[in-house]
Amino acid sequence: MEELNFRYITNIAWFKDRIGLGRYFRGMHELCLFGVRGNGWKVRTSSNSIRGTIHEKKRQHSRKPESFYKVIEDRSQGPYLELFGRQTRQGWDVKGDQTDLFNINKSVQNNYDLEIINSAKDKEG
């Protein structure tokens, strides 16, 4: 974190609904390290009720729930950086080997949806 000029502040824990893989311990949580840049930091809200824990269902490998991002965006004005990300996100700088793994190409999705609709119409037919 320091190498990227961020200062560690705290962490956020994501508790999952089912057990995962593990060599030493079978994990049911992931940690997000929360850091800031510069000498001071600006918070988006003065609320002290934003929790450092998230309880959400497990998704695909290493894919974080949307509420993970919401907690960070609700608390901080940014800039936002995700390391080892699997999906790009507007307003975030995402670094990793698979940053487009979960991005949906809208034209591909639309074509897929049309194929399903047409297939259903053919069966009715």
N, C-alpha and C. Protein backbone atom coordinates (compact mmCIF):
# COMPACT_ATOMS: atom_id res chain seq x y z
N MET A 1 0.82 -1.18 0.00
CA MET A 1 0.00 0.00 0.00
C MET A 1 0.88 1.26 0.00
N GLU A 2 1.90 1.23 0.81
CA GLU A 2 2.81 2.38 0.88
C GLU A 2 3.50 2.62 -0.45
N GLU A 3 3.83 1.56 -1.18
CA GLU A 3 4.49 1.69 -2.48
C GLU A 3 3.61 2.46 -3.48
N LEU A 4 2.30 2.44 -3.27
CA LEU A 4 1.36 3.15 -4.14
C LEU A 4 0.92 4.48 -3.54
N ASN A 5 1.63 4.90 -2.50
CA ASN A 5 1.36 6.17 -1.79
C ASN A 5 0.01 6.19 -1.08
N PHE A 6 -0.43 5.03 -0.63
CA PHE A 6 -1.64 4.95 0.20
C PHE A 6 -1.22 4.66 1.64
N ARG A 7 -1.96 5.20 2.57
CA ARG A 7 -1.72 4.96 3.99
C ARG A 7 -2.84 4.08 4.53
N TYR A 8 -2.46 2.95 5.13
CA TYR A 8 -3.45 2.02 5.67
C TYR A 8 -4.24 2.69 6.80
N ILE A 9 -5.58 2.53 6.76
CA ILE A 9 -6.45 3.06 7.80
C ILE A 9 -7.10 1.93 8.60
N THR A 10 -7.76 1.01 7.91
CA THR A 10 -8.46 -0.09 8.57
C THR A 10 -8.78 -1.18 7.55
N ASN A 11 -9.56 -2.15 7.94
CA ASN A 11 -9.99 -3.17 6.98
C ASN A 11 -11.50 -3.35 7.06
N ILE A 12 -12.04 -3.94 6.01
CA ILE A 12 -13.46 -4.27 5.94
C ILE A 12 -13.52 -5.79 5.73
N ALA A 13 -14.37 -6.46 6.49
CA ALA A 13 -14.48 -7.91 6.38
C ALA A 13 -15.76 -8.30 5.67
N TRP A 14 -15.63 -9.17 4.67
CA TRP A 14 -16.78 -9.73 3.95
C TRP A 14 -16.98 -11.15 4.44
N PHE A 15 -18.10 -11.39 5.13
CA PHE A 15 -18.44 -12.72 5.61
C PHE A 15 -19.36 -13.38 4.61
N LYS A 16 -18.96 -14.54 4.12
CA LYS A 16 -19.68 -15.25 3.07
C LYS A 16 -20.67 -16.25 3.67
N ASP A 17 -21.60 -16.70 2.83
CA ASP A 17 -22.65 -17.61 3.28
C ASP A 17 -22.24 -19.08 3.29
N ARG A 18 -21.09 -19.40 2.70
CA ARG A 18 -20.64 -20.80 2.70
C ARG A 18 -19.12 -20.86 2.74
N ILE A 19 -18.65 -22.01 3.12
CA ILE A 19 -17.22 -22.22 3.32
C ILE A 19 -16.48 -22.29 1.98
N GLY A 20 -15.26 -21.82 1.98
CA GLY A 20 -14.45 -21.84 0.77
C GLY A 20 -13.32 -22.85 0.88
N LEU A 21 -12.40 -22.73 -0.03
CA LEU A 21 -11.23 -23.62 -0.05
C LEU A 21 -10.17 -23.09 0.89
N GLY A 22 -9.25 -23.95 1.23
CA GLY A 22 -8.13 -23.52 2.06
C GLY A 22 -7.23 -24.67 2.42
N ARG A 23 -5.97 -24.40 2.49
CA ARG A 23 -5.01 -25.45 2.82
C ARG A 23 -4.88 -25.58 4.34
N TYR A 24 -4.86 -24.46 5.05
CA TYR A 24 -4.73 -24.49 6.50
C TYR A 24 -6.08 -24.28 7.18
N PHE A 25 -6.85 -23.32 6.69
CA PHE A 25 -8.16 -23.01 7.24
C PHE A 25 -9.15 -22.88 6.10
N ARG A 26 -10.35 -23.32 6.28
CA ARG A 26 -11.41 -23.20 5.27
C ARG A 26 -12.10 -21.86 5.49
N GLY A 27 -11.75 -20.89 4.67
CA GLY A 27 -12.20 -19.52 4.86
C GLY A 27 -13.66 -19.27 4.50
N MET A 28 -14.26 -18.40 5.27
CA MET A 28 -15.61 -17.91 4.97
C MET A 28 -15.62 -16.38 4.96
N HIS A 29 -14.44 -15.78 4.79
CA HIS A 29 -14.39 -14.33 4.77
C HIS A 29 -13.21 -13.85 3.92
N GLU A 30 -13.30 -12.60 3.49
CA GLU A 30 -12.20 -11.92 2.82
C GLU A 30 -12.04 -10.56 3.46
N LEU A 31 -10.82 -10.06 3.46
CA LEU A 31 -10.54 -8.74 4.01
C LEU A 31 -10.22 -7.76 2.89
N CYS A 32 -10.70 -6.56 3.04
CA CYS A 32 -10.36 -5.45 2.15
C CYS A 32 -9.54 -4.47 2.98
N LEU A 33 -8.36 -4.15 2.51
CA LEU A 33 -7.54 -3.15 3.20
C LEU A 33 -7.96 -1.77 2.72
N PHE A 34 -8.34 -0.92 3.64
CA PHE A 34 -8.81 0.42 3.31
C PHE A 34 -7.71 1.42 3.63
N GLY A 35 -7.29 2.17 2.61
CA GLY A 35 -6.24 3.16 2.80
C GLY A 35 -6.60 4.46 2.13
N VAL A 36 -5.85 5.50 2.43
CA VAL A 36 -6.07 6.83 1.85
C VAL A 36 -4.76 7.37 1.33
N ARG A 37 -4.87 8.37 0.45
CA ARG A 37 -3.68 9.05 -0.09
C ARG A 37 -3.60 10.46 0.49
N GLY A 38 -2.38 10.94 0.64
CA GLY A 38 -2.18 12.31 1.10
C GLY A 38 -2.14 12.40 2.62
N ASN A 39 -2.01 13.63 3.11
CA ASN A 39 -1.89 13.86 4.55
C ASN A 39 -3.23 13.75 5.27
N GLY A 40 -4.24 14.32 4.69
CA GLY A 40 -5.56 14.25 5.30
C GLY A 40 -6.44 13.34 4.47
N TRP A 41 -7.69 13.27 4.82
CA TRP A 41 -8.63 12.51 4.00
C TRP A 41 -10.01 13.09 4.17
N LYS A 42 -10.73 13.08 3.11
CA LYS A 42 -12.08 13.63 3.11
C LYS A 42 -13.07 12.48 3.12
N VAL A 43 -14.02 12.58 4.02
CA VAL A 43 -15.07 11.57 4.06
C VAL A 43 -16.29 12.10 3.32
N ARG A 44 -17.01 11.21 2.69
CA ARG A 44 -18.21 11.58 1.95
C ARG A 44 -19.35 11.90 2.91
N THR A 45 -19.37 11.26 4.05
CA THR A 45 -20.43 11.45 5.03
C THR A 45 -19.83 11.54 6.42
N SER A 46 -20.50 12.23 7.31
CA SER A 46 -20.03 12.31 8.69
C SER A 46 -20.66 11.21 9.54
N SER A 47 -21.44 10.35 8.92
CA SER A 47 -22.09 9.25 9.65
C SER A 47 -21.05 8.32 10.26
N ASN A 48 -21.28 7.96 11.49
CA ASN A 48 -20.41 7.00 12.16
C ASN A 48 -21.05 5.62 12.21
N SER A 49 -22.09 5.41 11.41
CA SER A 49 -22.80 4.13 11.46
C SER A 49 -22.43 3.18 10.32
N ILE A 50 -21.44 3.55 9.50
CA ILE A 50 -21.02 2.66 8.41
C ILE A 50 -20.16 1.55 9.02
N ARG A 51 -20.63 0.33 8.88
CA ARG A 51 -19.97 -0.81 9.52
C ARG A 51 -18.78 -1.31 8.69
N GLY A 52 -17.88 -1.96 9.36
CA GLY A 52 -16.70 -2.54 8.72
C GLY A 52 -16.89 -4.01 8.37
N THR A 53 -18.14 -4.48 8.41
CA THR A 53 -18.43 -5.86 8.04
C THR A 53 -19.55 -5.89 7.01
N ILE A 54 -19.44 -6.86 6.11
CA ILE A 54 -20.45 -7.08 5.07
C ILE A 54 -20.82 -8.55 5.12
N HIS A 55 -22.09 -8.85 5.13
CA HIS A 55 -22.57 -10.23 5.12
C HIS A 55 -23.31 -10.43 3.80
N GLU A 56 -22.66 -11.09 2.85
CA GLU A 56 -23.23 -11.30 1.51
C GLU A 56 -22.91 -12.72 1.03
N LYS A 57 -23.70 -13.17 0.07
CA LYS A 57 -23.47 -14.49 -0.52
C LYS A 57 -22.16 -14.51 -1.29
N LYS A 58 -21.55 -15.68 -1.29
CA LYS A 58 -20.33 -15.89 -2.06
C LYS A 58 -20.69 -15.89 -3.54
N ARG A 59 -19.83 -15.30 -4.34
CA ARG A 59 -20.02 -15.25 -5.79
C ARG A 59 -18.92 -16.04 -6.46
N GLN A 60 -18.69 -15.77 -7.74
CA GLN A 60 -17.60 -16.44 -8.44
C GLN A 60 -16.28 -16.14 -7.73
N HIS A 61 -15.27 -16.95 -8.01
CA HIS A 61 -13.97 -16.81 -7.37
C HIS A 61 -13.46 -15.37 -7.43
N SER A 62 -13.20 -14.82 -6.26
CA SER A 62 -12.63 -13.48 -6.10
C SER A 62 -13.54 -12.34 -6.56
N ARG A 63 -14.79 -12.60 -6.83
CA ARG A 63 -15.71 -11.53 -7.22
C ARG A 63 -16.40 -10.98 -5.98
N LYS A 64 -16.18 -9.71 -5.74
CA LYS A 64 -16.72 -9.07 -4.55
C LYS A 64 -18.18 -8.66 -4.77
N PRO A 65 -18.96 -8.61 -3.70
CA PRO A 65 -20.35 -8.16 -3.83
C PRO A 65 -20.41 -6.66 -4.08
N GLU A 66 -21.48 -6.21 -4.69
CA GLU A 66 -21.65 -4.78 -4.98
C GLU A 66 -21.62 -3.94 -3.70
N SER A 67 -22.13 -4.50 -2.61
CA SER A 67 -22.16 -3.75 -1.35
C SER A 67 -20.76 -3.43 -0.83
N PHE A 68 -19.79 -4.21 -1.23
CA PHE A 68 -18.40 -3.95 -0.87
C PHE A 68 -17.97 -2.58 -1.40
N TYR A 69 -18.27 -2.34 -2.67
CA TYR A 69 -17.91 -1.07 -3.30
C TYR A 69 -18.74 0.07 -2.71
N LYS A 70 -20.00 -0.21 -2.43
CA LYS A 70 -20.90 0.83 -1.90
C LYS A 70 -20.41 1.35 -0.55
N VAL A 71 -19.96 0.46 0.31
CA VAL A 71 -19.44 0.87 1.62
C VAL A 71 -18.27 1.84 1.43
N ILE A 72 -17.37 1.51 0.54
CA ILE A 72 -16.20 2.36 0.30
C ILE A 72 -16.60 3.69 -0.32
N GLU A 73 -17.49 3.64 -1.32
CA GLU A 73 -17.93 4.87 -1.98
C GLU A 73 -18.76 5.75 -1.05
N ASP A 74 -19.52 5.14 -0.13
CA ASP A 74 -20.29 5.92 0.85
C ASP A 74 -19.39 6.62 1.84
N ARG A 75 -18.26 6.03 2.14
CA ARG A 75 -17.37 6.59 3.15
C ARG A 75 -16.36 7.58 2.57
N SER A 76 -15.81 7.29 1.42
CA SER A 76 -14.68 8.05 0.90
C SER A 76 -15.01 8.74 -0.42
N GLN A 77 -14.40 9.89 -0.64
CA GLN A 77 -14.57 10.61 -1.90
C GLN A 77 -13.62 10.12 -2.98
N GLY A 78 -12.75 9.21 -2.65
CA GLY A 78 -11.82 8.68 -3.64
C GLY A 78 -10.51 9.44 -3.64
N PRO A 79 -9.59 9.10 -4.52
CA PRO A 79 -9.71 8.18 -5.65
C PRO A 79 -9.87 6.74 -5.17
N TYR A 80 -10.43 5.89 -6.04
CA TYR A 80 -10.68 4.50 -5.72
C TYR A 80 -9.72 3.60 -6.49
N LEU A 81 -9.12 2.66 -5.80
CA LEU A 81 -8.20 1.71 -6.40
C LEU A 81 -8.51 0.32 -5.89
N GLU A 82 -8.66 -0.63 -6.81
CA GLU A 82 -8.83 -2.03 -6.43
C GLU A 82 -7.68 -2.82 -7.03
N LEU A 83 -6.98 -3.55 -6.18
CA LEU A 83 -5.90 -4.42 -6.64
C LEU A 83 -6.44 -5.85 -6.76
N PHE A 84 -5.97 -6.57 -7.74
CA PHE A 84 -6.40 -7.95 -8.00
C PHE A 84 -7.88 -8.00 -8.35
N GLY A 85 -8.38 -6.93 -8.98
CA GLY A 85 -9.79 -6.87 -9.36
C GLY A 85 -10.10 -7.80 -10.52
N ARG A 86 -11.35 -8.20 -10.61
CA ARG A 86 -11.81 -9.09 -11.67
C ARG A 86 -12.82 -8.41 -12.58
N GLN A 87 -13.10 -7.12 -12.33
CA GLN A 87 -14.13 -6.42 -13.09
C GLN A 87 -13.85 -4.92 -13.04
N THR A 88 -13.96 -4.26 -14.18
CA THR A 88 -13.80 -2.81 -14.19
C THR A 88 -15.05 -2.19 -13.59
N ARG A 89 -14.89 -0.98 -13.11
CA ARG A 89 -15.99 -0.28 -12.45
C ARG A 89 -15.80 1.21 -12.69
N GLN A 90 -16.85 1.88 -13.09
CA GLN A 90 -16.76 3.31 -13.38
C GLN A 90 -16.32 4.07 -12.13
N GLY A 91 -15.30 4.93 -12.31
CA GLY A 91 -14.79 5.74 -11.22
C GLY A 91 -13.69 5.06 -10.41
N TRP A 92 -13.36 3.83 -10.76
CA TRP A 92 -12.33 3.07 -10.06
C TRP A 92 -11.17 2.77 -10.99
N ASP A 93 -9.97 2.76 -10.42
CA ASP A 93 -8.80 2.26 -11.13
C ASP A 93 -8.62 0.83 -10.66
N VAL A 94 -8.73 -0.13 -11.57
CA VAL A 94 -8.69 -1.55 -11.21
C VAL A 94 -7.43 -2.17 -11.81
N LYS A 95 -6.65 -2.83 -10.97
CA LYS A 95 -5.41 -3.48 -11.41
C LYS A 95 -5.52 -4.98 -11.15
N GLY A 96 -4.99 -5.76 -12.08
CA GLY A 96 -4.98 -7.21 -11.92
C GLY A 96 -4.83 -7.90 -13.26
N ASP A 97 -4.64 -9.20 -13.23
CA ASP A 97 -4.46 -9.98 -14.45
C ASP A 97 -5.77 -10.27 -15.18
N GLN A 98 -6.90 -10.18 -14.48
CA GLN A 98 -8.19 -10.55 -15.06
C GLN A 98 -9.24 -9.46 -14.82
N THR A 99 -8.90 -8.23 -15.13
CA THR A 99 -9.79 -7.11 -14.80
C THR A 99 -11.08 -7.09 -15.61
N ASP A 100 -11.18 -7.89 -16.66
CA ASP A 100 -12.42 -7.91 -17.44
C ASP A 100 -13.14 -9.25 -17.35
N LEU A 101 -12.78 -10.06 -16.36
CA LEU A 101 -13.34 -11.40 -16.25
C LEU A 101 -14.85 -11.40 -16.10
N PHE A 102 -15.41 -10.48 -15.34
CA PHE A 102 -16.85 -10.45 -15.10
C PHE A 102 -17.57 -9.31 -15.81
N ASN A 103 -16.88 -8.62 -16.70
CA ASN A 103 -17.54 -7.57 -17.48
C ASN A 103 -18.45 -8.23 -18.51
N ILE A 104 -19.64 -7.71 -18.67
CA ILE A 104 -20.58 -8.26 -19.64
C ILE A 104 -20.60 -7.36 -20.86
N ASN A 105 -20.28 -7.93 -21.99
CA ASN A 105 -20.36 -7.21 -23.25
C ASN A 105 -21.84 -7.13 -23.61
N LYS A 106 -22.40 -5.91 -23.63
CA LYS A 106 -23.84 -5.75 -23.82
C LYS A 106 -24.34 -6.32 -25.15
N SER A 107 -23.56 -6.19 -26.22
CA SER A 107 -24.03 -6.72 -27.50
C SER A 107 -24.06 -8.25 -27.45
N VAL A 108 -23.09 -8.86 -26.79
CA VAL A 108 -23.10 -10.31 -26.65
C VAL A 108 -24.28 -10.73 -25.80
N GLN A 109 -24.52 -10.02 -24.69
CA GLN A 109 -25.64 -10.35 -23.81
C GLN A 109 -26.96 -10.17 -24.55
N ASN A 110 -27.11 -9.10 -25.33
CA ASN A 110 -28.34 -8.86 -26.07
C ASN A 110 -28.58 -9.97 -27.10
N ASN A 111 -27.52 -10.38 -27.81
CA ASN A 111 -27.66 -11.47 -28.78
C ASN A 111 -28.06 -12.77 -28.09
N TYR A 112 -27.47 -13.03 -26.93
CA TYR A 112 -27.81 -14.23 -26.17
C TYR A 112 -29.28 -14.20 -25.75
N ASP A 113 -29.73 -13.03 -25.26
CA ASP A 113 -31.13 -12.88 -24.86
C ASP A 113 -32.06 -13.10 -26.04
N LEU A 114 -31.69 -12.57 -27.22
CA LEU A 114 -32.53 -12.75 -28.41
C LEU A 114 -32.61 -14.22 -28.82
N GLU A 115 -31.48 -14.93 -28.69
CA GLU A 115 -31.47 -16.36 -29.02
C GLU A 115 -32.42 -17.13 -28.11
N ILE A 116 -32.45 -16.79 -26.84
CA ILE A 116 -33.34 -17.46 -25.89
C ILE A 116 -34.80 -17.16 -26.23
N ILE A 117 -35.09 -15.90 -26.54
CA ILE A 117 -36.46 -15.50 -26.88
C ILE A 117 -36.91 -16.21 -28.15
N ASN A 118 -36.05 -16.20 -29.18
CA ASN A 118 -36.41 -16.84 -30.45
C ASN A 118 -36.58 -18.35 -30.29
N SER A 119 -35.74 -18.95 -29.46
CA SER A 119 -35.84 -20.38 -29.21
C SER A 119 -37.17 -20.70 -28.54
N ALA A 120 -37.58 -19.88 -27.60
CA ALA A 120 -38.85 -20.10 -26.90
C ALA A 120 -40.02 -19.93 -27.86
N LYS A 121 -39.93 -18.95 -28.78
CA LYS A 121 -41.00 -18.73 -29.75
C LYS A 121 -41.11 -19.91 -30.71
N ASP A 122 -39.96 -20.48 -31.12
CA ASP A 122 -39.95 -21.64 -32.00
C ASP A 122 -40.64 -22.83 -31.35
N LYS A 123 -40.42 -23.01 -30.06
CA LYS A 123 -41.02 -24.14 -29.34
C LYS A 123 -42.53 -23.96 -29.22
N GLU A 124 -42.98 -22.70 -29.09
CA GLU A 124 -44.41 -22.41 -28.97
C GLU A 124 -45.11 -22.65 -30.30
N GLY A 125 -44.37 -22.41 -31.36
CA GLY A 125 -44.82 -22.45 -32.58
C GLY A 125 -45.44 -22.75 -33.70
